[in-house]
Amino acid sequence: MEFDITTFFKAILGGAGAGYAFTGGISLALPELIVTDRLLLSMAAIGAVLLPLLYLKSIRRK
């Protein structure tokens, strides 16, 4: 599999969206959790880093 810049940027955006969604899911499961802007942005940043890393790791395997 070759590196595709379009797929890489989609992974970044998808990871950020997944971080937001994960935070929303946690707040539904734990209503006493206070969701702040900092928590949302932190989870989005974590997702925006992890998902592209998984993409790059899958390229190296093949």
PDB file of N, CA and C in Angstrom:
ATOM      1  N   MET A   1       0.837  -1.166   0.000  1.00  0.00           N
ATOM      2  CA  MET A   1       0.000   0.000   0.000  1.00  0.00           C
ATOM      3  C   MET A   1       0.889   1.238   0.000  1.00  0.00           C
ATOM      4  N   GLU A   2       0.568   2.181  -0.846  1.00  0.00           N
ATOM      5  CA  GLU A   2       1.338   3.411  -0.933  1.00  0.00           C
ATOM      6  C   GLU A   2       0.751   4.481  -0.024  1.00  0.00           C
ATOM      7  N   PHE A   3       1.586   5.452   0.287  1.00  0.00           N
ATOM      8  CA  PHE A   3       1.134   6.586   1.084  1.00  0.00           C
ATOM      9  C   PHE A   3       0.266   7.483   0.203  1.00  0.00           C
ATOM     10  N   ASP A   4      -0.904   7.822   0.707  1.00  0.00           N
ATOM     11  CA  ASP A   4      -1.816   8.712  -0.001  1.00  0.00           C
ATOM     12  C   ASP A   4      -2.121   9.897   0.911  1.00  0.00           C
ATOM     13  N   ILE A   5      -1.762  11.096   0.453  1.00  0.00           N
ATOM     14  CA  ILE A   5      -1.918  12.287   1.284  1.00  0.00           C
ATOM     15  C   ILE A   5      -3.386  12.570   1.584  1.00  0.00           C
ATOM     16  N   THR A   6      -4.272  12.258   0.647  1.00  0.00           N
ATOM     17  CA  THR A   6      -5.704  12.478   0.869  1.00  0.00           C
ATOM     18  C   THR A   6      -6.217  11.594   1.996  1.00  0.00           C
ATOM     19  N   THR A   7      -5.838  10.335   1.975  1.00  0.00           N
ATOM     20  CA  THR A   7      -6.252   9.415   3.025  1.00  0.00           C
ATOM     21  C   THR A   7      -5.647   9.811   4.366  1.00  0.00           C
ATOM     22  N   PHE A   8      -4.431  10.317   4.341  1.00  0.00           N
ATOM     23  CA  PHE A   8      -3.776  10.750   5.571  1.00  0.00           C
ATOM     24  C   PHE A   8      -4.541  11.910   6.215  1.00  0.00           C
ATOM     25  N   PHE A   9      -4.927  12.900   5.408  1.00  0.00           N
ATOM     26  CA  PHE A   9      -5.679  14.032   5.953  1.00  0.00           C
ATOM     27  C   PHE A   9      -7.083  13.612   6.381  1.00  0.00           C
ATOM     28  N   LYS A  10      -7.675  12.672   5.690  1.00  0.00           N
ATOM     29  CA  LYS A  10      -8.976  12.148   6.126  1.00  0.00           C
ATOM     30  C   LYS A  10      -8.844  11.437   7.474  1.00  0.00           C
ATOM     31  N   ALA A  11      -7.725  10.770   7.678  1.00  0.00           N
ATOM     32  CA  ALA A  11      -7.489  10.108   8.966  1.00  0.00           C
ATOM     33  C   ALA A  11      -7.342  11.138  10.083  1.00  0.00           C
ATOM     34  N   ILE A  12      -6.695  12.258   9.791  1.00  0.00           N
ATOM     35  CA  ILE A  12      -6.555  13.318  10.797  1.00  0.00           C
ATOM     36  C   ILE A  12      -7.928  13.876  11.167  1.00  0.00           C
ATOM     37  N   LEU A  13      -8.717  14.220  10.157  1.00  0.00           N
ATOM     38  CA  LEU A  13     -10.045  14.777  10.420  1.00  0.00           C
ATOM     39  C   LEU A  13     -10.966  13.752  11.073  1.00  0.00           C
ATOM     40  N   GLY A  14     -10.887  12.517  10.635  1.00  0.00           N
ATOM     41  CA  GLY A  14     -11.696  11.462  11.243  1.00  0.00           C
ATOM     42  C   GLY A  14     -11.307  11.200  12.680  1.00  0.00           C
ATOM     43  N   GLY A  15     -10.023  11.264  12.962  1.00  0.00           N
ATOM     44  CA  GLY A  15      -9.561  11.077  14.335  1.00  0.00           C
ATOM     45  C   GLY A  15     -10.031  12.189  15.251  1.00  0.00           C
ATOM     46  N   ALA A  16     -10.013  13.425  14.747  1.00  0.00           N
ATOM     47  CA  ALA A  16     -10.499  14.546  15.550  1.00  0.00           C
ATOM     48  C   ALA A  16     -11.992  14.394  15.815  1.00  0.00           C
ATOM     49  N   GLY A  17     -12.746  13.997  14.797  1.00  0.00           N
ATOM     50  CA  GLY A  17     -14.183  13.764  14.987  1.00  0.00           C
ATOM     51  C   GLY A  17     -14.456  12.631  15.956  1.00  0.00           C
ATOM     52  N   ALA A  18     -13.635  11.600  15.890  1.00  0.00           N
ATOM     53  CA  ALA A  18     -13.808  10.478  16.822  1.00  0.00           C
ATOM     54  C   ALA A  18     -13.510  10.914  18.257  1.00  0.00           C
ATOM     55  N   GLY A  19     -12.562  11.814  18.421  1.00  0.00           N
ATOM     56  CA  GLY A  19     -12.261  12.333  19.754  1.00  0.00           C
ATOM     57  C   GLY A  19     -13.433  13.103  20.336  1.00  0.00           C
ATOM     58  N   TYR A  20     -14.068  13.931  19.502  1.00  0.00           N
ATOM     59  CA  TYR A  20     -15.264  14.646  19.945  1.00  0.00           C
ATOM     60  C   TYR A  20     -16.386  13.671  20.291  1.00  0.00           C
ATOM     61  N   ALA A  21     -16.588  12.687  19.427  1.00  0.00           N
ATOM     62  CA  ALA A  21     -17.661  11.714  19.659  1.00  0.00           C
ATOM     63  C   ALA A  21     -17.401  10.897  20.918  1.00  0.00           C
ATOM     64  N   PHE A  22     -16.164  10.519  21.135  1.00  0.00           N
ATOM     65  CA  PHE A  22     -15.820   9.736  22.328  1.00  0.00           C
ATOM     66  C   PHE A  22     -16.121  10.532  23.595  1.00  0.00           C
ATOM     67  N   THR A  23     -15.789  11.821  23.570  1.00  0.00           N
ATOM     68  CA  THR A  23     -16.066  12.671  24.729  1.00  0.00           C
ATOM     69  C   THR A  23     -17.570  12.782  24.960  1.00  0.00           C
ATOM     70  N   GLY A  24     -18.339  12.902  23.892  1.00  0.00           N
ATOM     71  CA  GLY A  24     -19.793  12.952  24.030  1.00  0.00           C
ATOM     72  C   GLY A  24     -20.355  11.657  24.579  1.00  0.00           C
ATOM     73  N   GLY A  25     -19.805  10.533  24.167  1.00  0.00           N
ATOM     74  CA  GLY A  25     -20.256   9.238  24.679  1.00  0.00           C
ATOM     75  C   GLY A  25     -19.937   9.057  26.150  1.00  0.00           C
ATOM     76  N   ILE A  26     -18.769   9.538  26.546  1.00  0.00           N
ATOM     77  CA  ILE A  26     -18.412   9.449  27.966  1.00  0.00           C
ATOM     78  C   ILE A  26     -19.347  10.305  28.808  1.00  0.00           C
ATOM     79  N   SER A  27     -19.678  11.499  28.301  1.00  0.00           N
ATOM     80  CA  SER A  27     -20.550  12.373  29.085  1.00  0.00           C
ATOM     81  C   SER A  27     -21.966  11.808  29.192  1.00  0.00           C
ATOM     82  N   LEU A  28     -22.390  11.025  28.226  1.00  0.00           N
ATOM     83  CA  LEU A  28     -23.695  10.357  28.331  1.00  0.00           C
ATOM     84  C   LEU A  28     -23.639   9.212  29.340  1.00  0.00           C
ATOM     85  N   ALA A  29     -22.531   8.494  29.353  1.00  0.00           N
ATOM     86  CA  ALA A  29     -22.394   7.369  30.281  1.00  0.00           C
ATOM     87  C   ALA A  29     -22.156   7.837  31.715  1.00  0.00           C
ATOM     88  N   LEU A  30     -21.444   8.940  31.859  1.00  0.00           N
ATOM     89  CA  LEU A  30     -21.134   9.493  33.177  1.00  0.00           C
ATOM     90  C   LEU A  30     -21.646  10.928  33.249  1.00  0.00           C
ATOM     91  N   PRO A  31     -22.909  11.110  33.581  1.00  0.00           N
ATOM     92  CA  PRO A  31     -23.479  12.461  33.573  1.00  0.00           C
ATOM     93  C   PRO A  31     -22.805  13.429  34.550  1.00  0.00           C
ATOM     94  N   GLU A  32     -22.154  12.916  35.572  1.00  0.00           N
ATOM     95  CA  GLU A  32     -21.498  13.815  36.521  1.00  0.00           C
ATOM     96  C   GLU A  32     -20.194  14.392  35.977  1.00  0.00           C
ATOM     97  N   LEU A  33     -19.719  13.873  34.839  1.00  0.00           N
ATOM     98  CA  LEU A  33     -18.509  14.386  34.216  1.00  0.00           C
ATOM     99  C   LEU A  33     -18.799  15.738  33.566  1.00  0.00           C
ATOM    100  N   ILE A  34     -18.013  16.722  33.910  1.00  0.00           N
ATOM    101  CA  ILE A  34     -18.175  18.049  33.318  1.00  0.00           C
ATOM    102  C   ILE A  34     -17.292  18.124  32.079  1.00  0.00           C
ATOM    103  N   VAL A  35     -17.911  18.303  30.934  1.00  0.00           N
ATOM    104  CA  VAL A  35     -17.182  18.381  29.676  1.00  0.00           C
ATOM    105  C   VAL A  35     -16.810  19.841  29.430  1.00  0.00           C
ATOM    106  N   THR A  36     -15.535  20.102  29.414  1.00  0.00           N
ATOM    107  CA  THR A  36     -15.051  21.463  29.181  1.00  0.00           C
ATOM    108  C   THR A  36     -14.469  21.558  27.768  1.00  0.00           C
ATOM    109  N   ASP A  37     -14.193  22.772  27.345  1.00  0.00           N
ATOM    110  CA  ASP A  37     -13.565  22.970  26.042  1.00  0.00           C
ATOM    111  C   ASP A  37     -12.196  22.299  25.992  1.00  0.00           C
ATOM    112  N   ARG A  38     -11.492  22.378  27.099  1.00  0.00           N
ATOM    113  CA  ARG A  38     -10.162  21.784  27.148  1.00  0.00           C
ATOM    114  C   ARG A  38     -10.223  20.266  26.974  1.00  0.00           C
ATOM    115  N   LEU A  39     -11.198  19.629  27.603  1.00  0.00           N
ATOM    116  CA  LEU A  39     -11.362  18.179  27.455  1.00  0.00           C
ATOM    117  C   LEU A  39     -11.720  17.813  26.011  1.00  0.00           C
ATOM    118  N   LEU A  40     -12.633  18.560  25.407  1.00  0.00           N
ATOM    119  CA  LEU A  40     -13.017  18.293  24.019  1.00  0.00           C
ATOM    120  C   LEU A  40     -11.831  18.445  23.077  1.00  0.00           C
ATOM    121  N   LEU A  41     -11.098  19.521  23.230  1.00  0.00           N
ATOM    122  CA  LEU A  41      -9.959  19.745  22.340  1.00  0.00           C
ATOM    123  C   LEU A  41      -8.840  18.743  22.583  1.00  0.00           C
ATOM    124  N   SER A  42      -8.655  18.339  23.822  1.00  0.00           N
ATOM    125  CA  SER A  42      -7.633  17.334  24.128  1.00  0.00           C
ATOM    126  C   SER A  42      -7.968  15.995  23.486  1.00  0.00           C
ATOM    127  N   MET A  43      -9.215  15.582  23.606  1.00  0.00           N
ATOM    128  CA  MET A  43      -9.624  14.305  22.997  1.00  0.00           C
ATOM    129  C   MET A  43      -9.559  14.381  21.478  1.00  0.00           C
ATOM    130  N   ALA A  44      -9.908  15.525  20.913  1.00  0.00           N
ATOM    131  CA  ALA A  44      -9.808  15.691  19.466  1.00  0.00           C
ATOM    132  C   ALA A  44      -8.345  15.629  19.019  1.00  0.00           C
ATOM    133  N   ALA A  45      -7.459  16.231  19.793  1.00  0.00           N
ATOM    134  CA  ALA A  45      -6.033  16.191  19.448  1.00  0.00           C
ATOM    135  C   ALA A  45      -5.477  14.776  19.552  1.00  0.00           C
ATOM    136  N   ILE A  46      -5.883  14.058  20.588  1.00  0.00           N
ATOM    137  CA  ILE A  46      -5.434  12.670  20.740  1.00  0.00           C
ATOM    138  C   ILE A  46      -5.915  11.824  19.560  1.00  0.00           C
ATOM    139  N   GLY A  47      -7.183  11.986  19.196  1.00  0.00           N
ATOM    140  CA  GLY A  47      -7.707  11.247  18.048  1.00  0.00           C
ATOM    141  C   GLY A  47      -7.043  11.632  16.748  1.00  0.00           C
ATOM    142  N   ALA A  48      -6.732  12.936  16.592  1.00  0.00           N
ATOM    143  CA  ALA A  48      -6.099  13.412  15.365  1.00  0.00           C
ATOM    144  C   ALA A  48      -4.655  12.934  15.246  1.00  0.00           C
ATOM    145  N   VAL A  49      -4.076  12.463  16.326  1.00  0.00           N
ATOM    146  CA  VAL A  49      -2.717  11.917  16.279  1.00  0.00           C
ATOM    147  C   VAL A  49      -2.757  10.393  16.147  1.00  0.00           C
ATOM    148  N   LEU A  50      -3.648   9.744  16.895  1.00  0.00           N
ATOM    149  CA  LEU A  50      -3.658   8.274  16.915  1.00  0.00           C
ATOM    150  C   LEU A  50      -4.130   7.651  15.606  1.00  0.00           C
ATOM    151  N   LEU A  51      -5.178   8.172  15.024  1.00  0.00           N
ATOM    152  CA  LEU A  51      -5.701   7.553  13.800  1.00  0.00           C
ATOM    153  C   LEU A  51      -4.714   7.652  12.631  1.00  0.00           C
ATOM    154  N   PRO A  52      -4.064   8.788  12.393  1.00  0.00           N
ATOM    155  CA  PRO A  52      -3.036   8.798  11.342  1.00  0.00           C
ATOM    156  C   PRO A  52      -1.847   7.884  11.646  1.00  0.00           C
ATOM    157  N   LEU A  53      -1.510   7.744  12.932  1.00  0.00           N
ATOM    158  CA  LEU A  53      -0.433   6.814  13.269  1.00  0.00           C
ATOM    159  C   LEU A  53      -0.810   5.379  12.925  1.00  0.00           C
ATOM    160  N   LEU A  54      -2.055   5.023  13.173  1.00  0.00           N
ATOM    161  CA  LEU A  54      -2.513   3.683  12.783  1.00  0.00           C
ATOM    162  C   LEU A  54      -2.468   3.509  11.268  1.00  0.00           C
ATOM    163  N   TYR A  55      -2.817   4.559  10.543  1.00  0.00           N
ATOM    164  CA  TYR A  55      -2.751   4.520   9.076  1.00  0.00           C
ATOM    165  C   TYR A  55      -1.312   4.322   8.610  1.00  0.00           C
ATOM    166  N   LEU A  56      -0.391   5.082   9.178  1.00  0.00           N
ATOM    167  CA  LEU A  56       1.011   4.948   8.787  1.00  0.00           C
ATOM    168  C   LEU A  56       1.572   3.578   9.166  1.00  0.00           C
ATOM    169  N   LYS A  57       1.133   3.055  10.294  1.00  0.00           N
ATOM    170  CA  LYS A  57       1.578   1.727  10.718  1.00  0.00           C
ATOM    171  C   LYS A  57       1.073   0.655   9.751  1.00  0.00           C
ATOM    172  N   SER A  58      -0.152   0.816   9.262  1.00  0.00           N
ATOM    173  CA  SER A  58      -0.690  -0.181   8.328  1.00  0.00           C
ATOM    174  C   SER A  58       0.032  -0.127   6.990  1.00  0.00           C
ATOM    175  N   ILE A  59       0.536   1.027   6.609  1.00  0.00           N
ATOM    176  CA  ILE A  59       1.298   1.138   5.362  1.00  0.00           C
ATOM    177  C   ILE A  59       2.633   0.410   5.495  1.00  0.00           C
ATOM    178  N   ARG A  60       3.276   0.551   6.627  1.00  0.00           N
ATOM    179  CA  ARG A  60       4.582  -0.070   6.823  1.00  0.00           C
ATOM    180  C   ARG A  60       4.513  -1.581   6.810  1.00  0.00           C
ATOM    181  N   ARG A  61       3.385  -2.150   7.239  1.00  0.00           N
ATOM    182  CA  ARG A  61       3.251  -3.609   7.287  1.00  0.00           C
ATOM    183  C   ARG A  61       3.203  -4.235   5.909  1.00  0.00           C
ATOM    184  N   LYS A  62       2.646  -3.535   4.952  1.00  0.00           N
ATOM    185  CA  LYS A  62       2.426  -4.145   3.630  1.00  0.00           C
ATOM    186  C   LYS A  62       3.558  -3.890   2.693  1.00  0.00           C
TER     187      LYS A  62
END
